[in-house]
């Protein structure tokens, strides 16, 4: 399964865990969860919904009778198996949970994630970013003389972005540890 599909699956299950929705409403909410840089197409959403339905994770509920002026809106609802699968995905603190895209979606559902898993994901993400920080610093050191002013600024921007996220994660980790200690 492509990584993007896994991210979409987690987001769909997470939103439907909150309440049943039809495709249009789900797409609007997914655009918010996936962030400003993503615009989800129906060509991605509906195949995902069909796959999740075939796997037994969703029920599709059609309204009794569509009106002549409108197409019937199918309402998607999580099954017990879908709820259990969503819980399994949230419990996954493995490498895929630390990826840029997957982390953001996982983080969006942290309120439903076990506190030990949250802490493992946050610490793992921080380690991954610290590794990236070292690589970016080393690359900046090697290429500094060969870059023009704009290339150099782009490298510095990347470095500062990663540093900000590491600092943000430090604060979240402290907060999680303080909650656990109480």
N, C-alpha and C. Protein backbone atom coordinates (compact mmCIF):
# COMPACT_ATOMS: atom_id res chain seq x y z
N UNK A 1 0.85 -1.18 0.00
CA UNK A 1 0.00 0.00 0.00
C UNK A 1 0.89 1.23 0.00
N UNK A 2 0.69 2.16 -0.94
CA UNK A 2 1.51 3.38 -0.98
C UNK A 2 1.35 4.18 0.31
N UNK A 3 2.40 4.89 0.66
CA UNK A 3 2.39 5.65 1.91
C UNK A 3 1.23 6.63 1.97
N UNK A 4 0.96 7.32 0.86
CA UNK A 4 -0.12 8.32 0.84
C UNK A 4 -1.46 7.67 1.19
N UNK A 5 -1.69 6.44 0.68
CA UNK A 5 -2.93 5.74 0.98
C UNK A 5 -3.02 5.46 2.47
N UNK A 6 -1.91 5.05 3.10
CA UNK A 6 -1.92 4.80 4.54
C UNK A 6 -2.27 6.04 5.34
N UNK A 7 -1.77 7.18 4.91
CA UNK A 7 -2.07 8.44 5.57
C UNK A 7 -3.55 8.77 5.41
N UNK A 8 -4.06 8.60 4.21
CA UNK A 8 -5.46 8.88 3.94
C UNK A 8 -6.36 7.92 4.72
N UNK A 9 -5.98 6.65 4.77
CA UNK A 9 -6.75 5.66 5.53
C UNK A 9 -6.84 6.07 7.00
N UNK A 10 -5.73 6.45 7.60
CA UNK A 10 -5.72 6.87 9.00
C UNK A 10 -6.61 8.09 9.20
N UNK A 11 -6.50 9.06 8.32
CA UNK A 11 -7.30 10.28 8.44
C UNK A 11 -8.79 9.99 8.29
N UNK A 12 -9.16 9.17 7.30
CA UNK A 12 -10.57 8.83 7.07
C UNK A 12 -11.13 8.10 8.29
N UNK A 13 -10.42 7.09 8.76
CA UNK A 13 -10.90 6.33 9.91
C UNK A 13 -11.00 7.23 11.15
N UNK A 14 -10.03 8.12 11.32
CA UNK A 14 -10.05 9.02 12.48
C UNK A 14 -11.25 9.95 12.47
N UNK A 15 -11.55 10.51 11.30
CA UNK A 15 -12.70 11.42 11.23
C UNK A 15 -14.02 10.68 11.36
N UNK A 16 -14.10 9.50 10.75
CA UNK A 16 -15.34 8.74 10.87
C UNK A 16 -15.50 8.14 12.26
N UNK A 17 -14.41 8.05 13.00
CA UNK A 17 -14.48 7.62 14.39
C UNK A 17 -15.22 8.67 15.23
N UNK A 18 -15.12 9.92 14.80
CA UNK A 18 -15.80 11.01 15.51
C UNK A 18 -17.29 11.02 15.21
N UNK A 19 -17.64 10.80 13.93
CA UNK A 19 -19.05 10.81 13.53
C UNK A 19 -19.19 10.32 12.10
N UNK A 20 -20.32 9.73 11.74
CA UNK A 20 -20.56 9.34 10.35
C UNK A 20 -20.64 10.59 9.47
N UNK A 21 -20.20 10.46 8.21
CA UNK A 21 -20.22 11.60 7.29
C UNK A 21 -20.40 11.11 5.86
N UNK A 22 -20.89 12.01 5.02
CA UNK A 22 -20.93 11.71 3.59
C UNK A 22 -19.63 12.22 2.96
N UNK A 23 -19.38 11.82 1.73
CA UNK A 23 -18.11 12.10 1.07
C UNK A 23 -17.72 13.57 1.01
N UNK A 24 -18.66 14.43 0.68
CA UNK A 24 -18.34 15.86 0.55
C UNK A 24 -17.89 16.44 1.90
N UNK A 25 -18.63 16.13 2.94
CA UNK A 25 -18.29 16.62 4.27
C UNK A 25 -16.94 16.05 4.72
N UNK A 26 -16.73 14.77 4.43
CA UNK A 26 -15.49 14.11 4.79
C UNK A 26 -14.29 14.76 4.07
N UNK A 27 -14.47 15.07 2.81
CA UNK A 27 -13.40 15.71 2.04
C UNK A 27 -13.03 17.07 2.63
N UNK A 28 -14.03 17.86 2.99
CA UNK A 28 -13.76 19.17 3.59
C UNK A 28 -12.97 19.02 4.89
N UNK A 29 -13.38 18.09 5.72
CA UNK A 29 -12.70 17.87 7.00
C UNK A 29 -11.29 17.31 6.79
N UNK A 30 -11.13 16.43 5.79
CA UNK A 30 -9.82 15.86 5.50
C UNK A 30 -8.84 16.93 5.04
N UNK A 31 -9.31 17.88 4.23
CA UNK A 31 -8.44 18.97 3.79
C UNK A 31 -7.89 19.74 4.99
N UNK A 32 -8.71 19.89 6.02
CA UNK A 32 -8.26 20.58 7.24
C UNK A 32 -7.25 19.73 8.01
N UNK A 33 -7.52 18.44 8.12
CA UNK A 33 -6.63 17.55 8.87
C UNK A 33 -5.29 17.39 8.15
N UNK A 34 -5.33 17.24 6.83
CA UNK A 34 -4.11 17.00 6.07
C UNK A 34 -3.27 18.27 5.91
N UNK A 35 -3.87 19.42 6.13
CA UNK A 35 -3.10 20.65 6.15
C UNK A 35 -3.24 21.48 4.89
N UNK A 36 -2.72 22.69 4.98
CA UNK A 36 -2.88 23.68 3.93
C UNK A 36 -2.21 23.27 2.63
N UNK A 37 -1.21 22.45 2.66
CA UNK A 37 -0.50 22.09 1.45
C UNK A 37 -1.14 20.96 0.66
N UNK A 38 -2.26 20.46 1.14
CA UNK A 38 -2.91 19.33 0.49
C UNK A 38 -4.32 19.70 0.05
N UNK A 39 -4.65 19.28 -1.11
CA UNK A 39 -6.03 19.39 -1.57
C UNK A 39 -6.41 18.00 -2.04
N UNK A 40 -7.28 17.38 -1.31
CA UNK A 40 -7.65 16.00 -1.58
C UNK A 40 -8.69 15.94 -2.68
N UNK A 41 -8.43 15.10 -3.66
CA UNK A 41 -9.39 14.95 -4.75
C UNK A 41 -10.36 13.82 -4.44
N UNK A 42 -11.52 13.90 -5.05
CA UNK A 42 -12.49 12.81 -4.91
C UNK A 42 -11.93 11.54 -5.54
N UNK A 43 -11.04 11.70 -6.51
CA UNK A 43 -10.40 10.56 -7.15
C UNK A 43 -9.49 9.78 -6.21
N UNK A 44 -9.08 10.40 -5.11
CA UNK A 44 -8.31 9.71 -4.07
C UNK A 44 -9.23 9.22 -2.96
N UNK A 45 -10.20 10.07 -2.60
CA UNK A 45 -11.06 9.76 -1.47
C UNK A 45 -11.97 8.55 -1.72
N UNK A 46 -12.69 8.55 -2.83
CA UNK A 46 -13.69 7.50 -3.03
C UNK A 46 -13.08 6.11 -3.21
N UNK A 47 -11.96 5.96 -3.90
CA UNK A 47 -11.34 4.63 -3.91
C UNK A 47 -10.92 4.16 -2.51
N UNK A 48 -10.45 5.10 -1.69
CA UNK A 48 -10.09 4.76 -0.31
C UNK A 48 -11.33 4.31 0.46
N UNK A 49 -12.43 5.04 0.32
CA UNK A 49 -13.68 4.66 1.00
C UNK A 49 -14.16 3.30 0.54
N UNK A 50 -14.10 3.04 -0.75
CA UNK A 50 -14.53 1.74 -1.28
C UNK A 50 -13.65 0.61 -0.74
N UNK A 51 -12.35 0.84 -0.69
CA UNK A 51 -11.43 -0.17 -0.16
C UNK A 51 -11.72 -0.45 1.31
N UNK A 52 -11.90 0.61 2.09
CA UNK A 52 -12.19 0.44 3.51
C UNK A 52 -13.53 -0.28 3.71
N UNK A 53 -14.49 -0.02 2.84
CA UNK A 53 -15.79 -0.72 2.90
C UNK A 53 -15.61 -2.20 2.59
N UNK A 54 -14.85 -2.50 1.52
CA UNK A 54 -14.61 -3.91 1.16
C UNK A 54 -13.89 -4.66 2.27
N UNK A 55 -13.02 -3.96 2.99
CA UNK A 55 -12.27 -4.58 4.09
C UNK A 55 -13.13 -4.75 5.34
N UNK A 56 -14.34 -4.22 5.30
CA UNK A 56 -15.24 -4.35 6.45
C UNK A 56 -15.07 -3.29 7.51
N UNK A 57 -14.32 -2.22 7.19
CA UNK A 57 -14.08 -1.17 8.18
C UNK A 57 -15.15 -0.08 8.15
N UNK A 58 -15.91 0.00 7.06
CA UNK A 58 -16.95 1.02 6.91
C UNK A 58 -18.25 0.39 6.46
N UNK A 59 -19.34 0.99 6.89
CA UNK A 59 -20.66 0.70 6.34
C UNK A 59 -21.06 1.90 5.50
N UNK A 60 -21.72 1.62 4.39
CA UNK A 60 -22.25 2.68 3.53
C UNK A 60 -23.76 2.70 3.71
N UNK A 61 -24.28 3.85 4.06
CA UNK A 61 -25.71 3.99 4.31
C UNK A 61 -26.29 4.99 3.31
N UNK A 62 -27.17 4.50 2.44
CA UNK A 62 -27.79 5.38 1.46
C UNK A 62 -29.11 5.89 2.02
N UNK A 63 -29.44 7.15 1.73
CA UNK A 63 -30.73 7.67 2.16
C UNK A 63 -31.86 6.89 1.48
N UNK A 64 -33.02 6.85 2.10
CA UNK A 64 -34.12 6.05 1.57
C UNK A 64 -34.47 6.38 0.12
N UNK A 65 -34.66 7.64 -0.20
CA UNK A 65 -34.99 8.00 -1.59
C UNK A 65 -34.33 9.32 -1.94
N UNK A 66 -33.52 9.32 -2.99
CA UNK A 66 -32.90 10.58 -3.41
C UNK A 66 -33.96 11.48 -4.07
N UNK A 67 -33.76 12.76 -3.94
CA UNK A 67 -34.66 13.70 -4.61
C UNK A 67 -34.26 13.77 -6.08
N UNK A 68 -35.15 14.26 -6.91
CA UNK A 68 -34.86 14.36 -8.34
C UNK A 68 -33.75 15.35 -8.64
N UNK A 69 -33.65 16.39 -7.82
CA UNK A 69 -32.67 17.44 -8.10
C UNK A 69 -31.28 17.12 -7.54
N UNK A 70 -31.18 16.14 -6.68
CA UNK A 70 -29.88 15.86 -6.04
C UNK A 70 -29.56 14.37 -6.10
N UNK A 71 -28.28 14.11 -6.18
CA UNK A 71 -27.81 12.74 -6.06
C UNK A 71 -27.87 12.32 -4.61
N UNK A 72 -28.11 11.07 -4.36
CA UNK A 72 -28.13 10.56 -2.99
C UNK A 72 -26.73 10.66 -2.39
N UNK A 73 -26.64 11.13 -1.17
CA UNK A 73 -25.36 11.22 -0.48
C UNK A 73 -25.22 9.99 0.41
N UNK A 74 -24.22 9.21 0.11
CA UNK A 74 -23.96 8.02 0.91
C UNK A 74 -23.27 8.47 2.19
N UNK A 75 -23.76 7.99 3.31
CA UNK A 75 -23.15 8.30 4.60
C UNK A 75 -22.26 7.12 4.99
N UNK A 76 -21.02 7.43 5.35
CA UNK A 76 -20.06 6.39 5.74
C UNK A 76 -19.98 6.36 7.26
N UNK A 77 -20.00 5.16 7.79
CA UNK A 77 -20.00 4.94 9.24
C UNK A 77 -18.96 3.86 9.55
N UNK A 78 -18.20 4.05 10.63
CA UNK A 78 -17.23 3.05 11.05
C UNK A 78 -17.93 1.82 11.60
N UNK A 79 -17.43 0.65 11.25
CA UNK A 79 -17.91 -0.60 11.84
C UNK A 79 -17.07 -0.87 13.09
N UNK A 80 -17.42 -1.92 13.82
CA UNK A 80 -16.59 -2.30 14.98
C UNK A 80 -15.18 -2.64 14.53
N UNK A 81 -15.08 -3.35 13.39
CA UNK A 81 -13.76 -3.69 12.85
C UNK A 81 -13.00 -2.43 12.46
N UNK A 82 -13.69 -1.42 11.94
CA UNK A 82 -13.06 -0.15 11.58
C UNK A 82 -12.55 0.59 12.81
N UNK A 83 -13.32 0.56 13.87
CA UNK A 83 -12.90 1.19 15.13
C UNK A 83 -11.66 0.50 15.67
N UNK A 84 -11.65 -0.83 15.62
CA UNK A 84 -10.50 -1.60 16.10
C UNK A 84 -9.27 -1.32 15.22
N UNK A 85 -9.46 -1.24 13.91
CA UNK A 85 -8.35 -0.98 12.99
C UNK A 85 -7.79 0.43 13.23
N UNK A 86 -8.66 1.39 13.46
CA UNK A 86 -8.21 2.75 13.76
C UNK A 86 -7.36 2.74 15.04
N UNK A 87 -7.81 2.02 16.05
CA UNK A 87 -7.05 1.93 17.30
C UNK A 87 -5.68 1.29 17.06
N UNK A 88 -5.61 0.28 16.19
CA UNK A 88 -4.33 -0.35 15.85
C UNK A 88 -3.40 0.65 15.17
N UNK A 89 -3.95 1.43 14.24
CA UNK A 89 -3.13 2.42 13.54
C UNK A 89 -2.61 3.48 14.50
N UNK A 90 -3.43 3.89 15.45
CA UNK A 90 -2.99 4.88 16.43
C UNK A 90 -1.92 4.32 17.36
N UNK A 91 -1.98 3.02 17.62
CA UNK A 91 -1.02 2.39 18.53
C UNK A 91 0.34 2.17 17.86
N UNK A 92 0.40 2.33 16.55
CA UNK A 92 1.64 2.11 15.81
C UNK A 92 2.58 3.29 16.03
N UNK A 93 3.68 3.03 16.70
CA UNK A 93 4.69 4.07 16.93
C UNK A 93 5.94 3.76 16.12
N UNK A 94 5.79 2.94 15.09
CA UNK A 94 6.93 2.54 14.25
C UNK A 94 7.39 3.65 13.34
N UNK A 95 8.36 3.32 12.48
CA UNK A 95 8.96 4.33 11.60
C UNK A 95 7.97 5.10 10.74
N UNK A 96 6.90 4.45 10.27
CA UNK A 96 5.96 5.16 9.40
C UNK A 96 5.24 6.28 10.15
N UNK A 97 5.06 6.14 11.46
CA UNK A 97 4.39 7.17 12.25
C UNK A 97 5.25 8.43 12.39
N UNK A 98 6.52 8.33 12.02
CA UNK A 98 7.44 9.45 12.19
C UNK A 98 7.66 10.23 10.91
N UNK A 99 7.17 9.70 9.78
CA UNK A 99 7.30 10.40 8.50
C UNK A 99 6.61 11.75 8.57
N UNK A 100 7.06 12.68 7.74
CA UNK A 100 6.51 14.03 7.75
C UNK A 100 4.99 14.02 7.64
N UNK A 101 4.47 13.37 6.63
CA UNK A 101 3.03 13.39 6.37
C UNK A 101 2.25 12.58 7.40
N UNK A 102 2.70 11.39 7.68
CA UNK A 102 1.99 10.50 8.61
C UNK A 102 2.00 11.08 10.02
N UNK A 103 3.11 11.69 10.42
CA UNK A 103 3.19 12.27 11.76
C UNK A 103 2.10 13.31 11.98
N UNK A 104 1.92 14.18 11.00
CA UNK A 104 0.91 15.24 11.14
C UNK A 104 -0.49 14.68 11.32
N UNK A 105 -0.82 13.65 10.56
CA UNK A 105 -2.16 13.05 10.67
C UNK A 105 -2.27 12.31 11.99
N UNK A 106 -1.23 11.56 12.35
CA UNK A 106 -1.24 10.86 13.64
C UNK A 106 -1.41 11.86 14.78
N UNK A 107 -0.68 12.96 14.69
CA UNK A 107 -0.75 13.99 15.72
C UNK A 107 -2.16 14.58 15.83
N UNK A 108 -2.85 14.69 14.71
CA UNK A 108 -4.21 15.23 14.72
C UNK A 108 -5.15 14.39 15.58
N UNK A 109 -4.81 13.13 15.78
CA UNK A 109 -5.65 12.23 16.59
C UNK A 109 -4.97 11.83 17.89
N UNK A 110 -4.01 12.62 18.34
CA UNK A 110 -3.29 12.31 19.58
C UNK A 110 -4.21 12.24 20.80
N UNK A 111 -5.30 12.96 20.81
CA UNK A 111 -6.20 12.93 21.95
C UNK A 111 -6.76 11.53 22.16
N UNK A 112 -6.80 10.73 21.10
CA UNK A 112 -7.32 9.36 21.19
C UNK A 112 -6.20 8.32 21.25
N UNK A 113 -4.97 8.79 21.35
CA UNK A 113 -3.80 7.91 21.36
C UNK A 113 -3.32 7.72 22.79
N UNK A 114 -2.94 6.50 23.10
CA UNK A 114 -2.41 6.17 24.42
C UNK A 114 -1.19 7.06 24.73
N UNK A 115 -1.08 7.49 25.98
CA UNK A 115 -0.01 8.44 26.33
C UNK A 115 1.39 7.86 26.13
N UNK A 116 1.59 6.57 26.35
CA UNK A 116 2.93 5.99 26.13
C UNK A 116 3.26 5.97 24.63
N UNK A 117 2.26 5.72 23.81
CA UNK A 117 2.46 5.75 22.36
C UNK A 117 2.75 7.17 21.91
N UNK A 118 2.00 8.14 22.44
CA UNK A 118 2.24 9.55 22.09
C UNK A 118 3.69 9.92 22.38
N UNK A 119 4.17 9.54 23.55
CA UNK A 119 5.53 9.88 23.94
C UNK A 119 6.55 9.20 23.02
N UNK A 120 6.33 7.93 22.69
CA UNK A 120 7.24 7.22 21.78
C UNK A 120 7.27 7.88 20.40
N UNK A 121 6.09 8.27 19.92
CA UNK A 121 6.02 8.92 18.60
C UNK A 121 6.74 10.28 18.65
N UNK A 122 6.50 11.06 19.68
CA UNK A 122 7.14 12.37 19.80
C UNK A 122 8.66 12.23 19.89
N UNK A 123 9.12 11.30 20.72
CA UNK A 123 10.57 11.12 20.88
C UNK A 123 11.20 10.57 19.60
N UNK A 124 10.51 9.65 18.93
CA UNK A 124 11.01 9.12 17.67
C UNK A 124 11.08 10.19 16.60
N UNK A 125 10.04 11.00 16.52
CA UNK A 125 10.02 12.10 15.55
C UNK A 125 11.16 13.07 15.83
N UNK A 126 11.39 13.37 17.11
CA UNK A 126 12.47 14.29 17.47
C UNK A 126 13.82 13.72 17.06
N UNK A 127 14.06 12.43 17.32
CA UNK A 127 15.32 11.80 16.91
C UNK A 127 15.50 11.87 15.39
N UNK A 128 14.42 11.59 14.67
CA UNK A 128 14.50 11.64 13.22
C UNK A 128 14.86 13.05 12.74
N UNK A 129 14.26 14.06 13.37
CA UNK A 129 14.55 15.44 12.97
C UNK A 129 15.96 15.87 13.38
N UNK A 130 16.43 15.38 14.51
CA UNK A 130 17.80 15.70 14.92
C UNK A 130 18.80 15.12 13.91
N UNK A 131 18.51 13.91 13.40
CA UNK A 131 19.35 13.34 12.35
C UNK A 131 19.30 14.21 11.10
N UNK A 132 18.11 14.66 10.75
CA UNK A 132 17.95 15.52 9.58
C UNK A 132 18.71 16.82 9.78
N UNK A 133 18.65 17.35 11.00
CA UNK A 133 19.35 18.60 11.32
C UNK A 133 20.85 18.45 11.10
N UNK A 134 21.40 17.33 11.55
CA UNK A 134 22.83 17.09 11.33
C UNK A 134 23.16 17.04 9.84
N UNK A 135 22.32 16.36 9.06
CA UNK A 135 22.55 16.26 7.61
C UNK A 135 22.47 17.64 6.94
N UNK A 136 21.48 18.43 7.33
CA UNK A 136 21.30 19.75 6.72
C UNK A 136 22.48 20.65 7.08
N UNK A 137 22.92 20.58 8.33
CA UNK A 137 24.08 21.39 8.74
C UNK A 137 25.33 20.99 7.96
N UNK A 138 25.54 19.68 7.83
CA UNK A 138 26.71 19.19 7.10
C UNK A 138 26.63 19.61 5.63
N UNK A 139 25.45 19.50 5.05
CA UNK A 139 25.27 19.89 3.65
C UNK A 139 25.52 21.39 3.48
N UNK A 140 25.01 22.17 4.40
CA UNK A 140 25.21 23.62 4.33
C UNK A 140 26.70 23.95 4.42
N UNK A 141 27.41 23.26 5.28
CA UNK A 141 28.85 23.48 5.43
C UNK A 141 29.58 23.15 4.13
N UNK A 142 29.20 22.03 3.48
CA UNK A 142 29.88 21.58 2.25
C UNK A 142 29.56 22.47 1.05
N UNK A 143 28.35 22.95 0.96
CA UNK A 143 27.91 23.64 -0.25
C UNK A 143 27.87 25.16 -0.12
N UNK A 144 28.22 25.67 1.02
CA UNK A 144 28.10 27.11 1.30
C UNK A 144 28.80 27.96 0.25
N UNK A 145 30.01 27.57 -0.15
CA UNK A 145 30.78 28.39 -1.09
C UNK A 145 30.21 28.32 -2.50
N UNK A 146 29.53 27.22 -2.84
CA UNK A 146 29.05 27.02 -4.21
C UNK A 146 27.65 27.58 -4.44
N UNK A 147 26.96 27.97 -3.40
CA UNK A 147 25.59 28.44 -3.55
C UNK A 147 25.53 29.95 -3.73
N UNK A 148 24.55 30.38 -4.50
CA UNK A 148 24.32 31.82 -4.58
C UNK A 148 23.55 32.24 -3.33
N UNK A 149 23.29 33.49 -3.19
CA UNK A 149 22.65 34.01 -1.97
C UNK A 149 21.28 33.37 -1.74
N UNK A 150 20.53 33.11 -2.80
CA UNK A 150 19.19 32.55 -2.64
C UNK A 150 19.23 31.07 -2.26
N UNK A 151 20.15 30.35 -2.86
CA UNK A 151 20.33 28.94 -2.50
C UNK A 151 20.75 28.80 -1.05
N UNK A 152 21.64 29.69 -0.63
CA UNK A 152 22.10 29.69 0.76
C UNK A 152 20.94 30.02 1.72
N UNK A 153 20.13 30.98 1.36
CA UNK A 153 18.97 31.33 2.20
C UNK A 153 17.97 30.17 2.28
N UNK A 154 17.78 29.48 1.19
CA UNK A 154 16.89 28.33 1.19
C UNK A 154 17.41 27.24 2.13
N UNK A 155 18.72 27.01 2.11
CA UNK A 155 19.33 26.04 3.02
C UNK A 155 19.14 26.49 4.47
N UNK A 156 19.36 27.76 4.74
CA UNK A 156 19.19 28.28 6.11
C UNK A 156 17.73 28.17 6.56
N UNK A 157 16.83 28.44 5.65
CA UNK A 157 15.40 28.32 5.96
C UNK A 157 15.06 26.88 6.36
N UNK A 158 15.57 25.92 5.60
CA UNK A 158 15.35 24.51 5.92
C UNK A 158 15.90 24.16 7.29
N UNK A 159 17.08 24.66 7.58
CA UNK A 159 17.71 24.42 8.88
C UNK A 159 16.87 25.02 10.01
N UNK A 160 16.45 26.26 9.85
CA UNK A 160 15.64 26.91 10.88
C UNK A 160 14.29 26.21 11.07
N UNK A 161 13.70 25.72 10.01
CA UNK A 161 12.41 25.01 10.11
C UNK A 161 12.55 23.75 10.94
N UNK A 162 13.61 23.01 10.68
CA UNK A 162 13.83 21.77 11.43
C UNK A 162 14.14 22.10 12.89
N UNK A 163 14.96 23.13 13.12
CA UNK A 163 15.27 23.53 14.50
C UNK A 163 14.00 23.92 15.26
N UNK A 164 13.09 24.67 14.60
CA UNK A 164 11.83 25.06 15.24
C UNK A 164 11.00 23.84 15.61
N UNK A 165 10.94 22.86 14.70
CA UNK A 165 10.14 21.68 15.00
C UNK A 165 10.75 20.87 16.14
N UNK A 166 12.07 20.78 16.20
CA UNK A 166 12.73 20.08 17.31
C UNK A 166 12.40 20.77 18.63
N UNK A 167 12.45 22.10 18.65
CA UNK A 167 12.11 22.84 19.87
C UNK A 167 10.65 22.63 20.26
N UNK A 168 9.77 22.64 19.28
CA UNK A 168 8.35 22.39 19.52
C UNK A 168 8.15 21.00 20.12
N UNK A 169 8.83 20.01 19.54
CA UNK A 169 8.73 18.64 20.04
C UNK A 169 9.27 18.53 21.46
N UNK A 170 10.36 19.24 21.76
CA UNK A 170 10.90 19.25 23.13
C UNK A 170 9.83 19.68 24.13
N UNK A 171 9.11 20.74 23.79
CA UNK A 171 8.04 21.23 24.68
C UNK A 171 6.93 20.22 24.82
N UNK A 172 6.53 19.58 23.73
CA UNK A 172 5.48 18.56 23.79
C UNK A 172 5.91 17.37 24.63
N UNK A 173 7.16 16.96 24.48
CA UNK A 173 7.69 15.83 25.25
C UNK A 173 7.70 16.16 26.73
N UNK A 174 8.14 17.36 27.08
CA UNK A 174 8.13 17.78 28.49
C UNK A 174 6.71 17.73 29.05
N UNK A 175 5.75 18.24 28.27
CA UNK A 175 4.35 18.26 28.70
C UNK A 175 3.85 16.83 28.92
N UNK A 176 4.14 15.93 27.99
CA UNK A 176 3.71 14.53 28.12
C UNK A 176 4.33 13.88 29.34
N UNK A 177 5.60 14.13 29.58
CA UNK A 177 6.28 13.54 30.74
C UNK A 177 5.72 14.08 32.05
N UNK A 178 5.39 15.37 32.05
CA UNK A 178 4.79 15.96 33.26
C UNK A 178 3.42 15.37 33.54
N UNK A 179 2.63 15.11 32.49
CA UNK A 179 1.32 14.48 32.67
C UNK A 179 1.46 13.07 33.25
N UNK A 180 2.45 12.35 32.76
CA UNK A 180 2.69 10.97 33.21
C UNK A 180 3.15 10.95 34.65
N UNK A 181 3.97 11.95 35.05
CA UNK A 181 4.51 12.01 36.41
C UNK A 181 3.45 12.35 37.45
N UNK A 182 2.37 12.96 37.02
CA UNK A 182 1.33 13.39 37.99
C UNK A 182 0.42 12.28 38.39
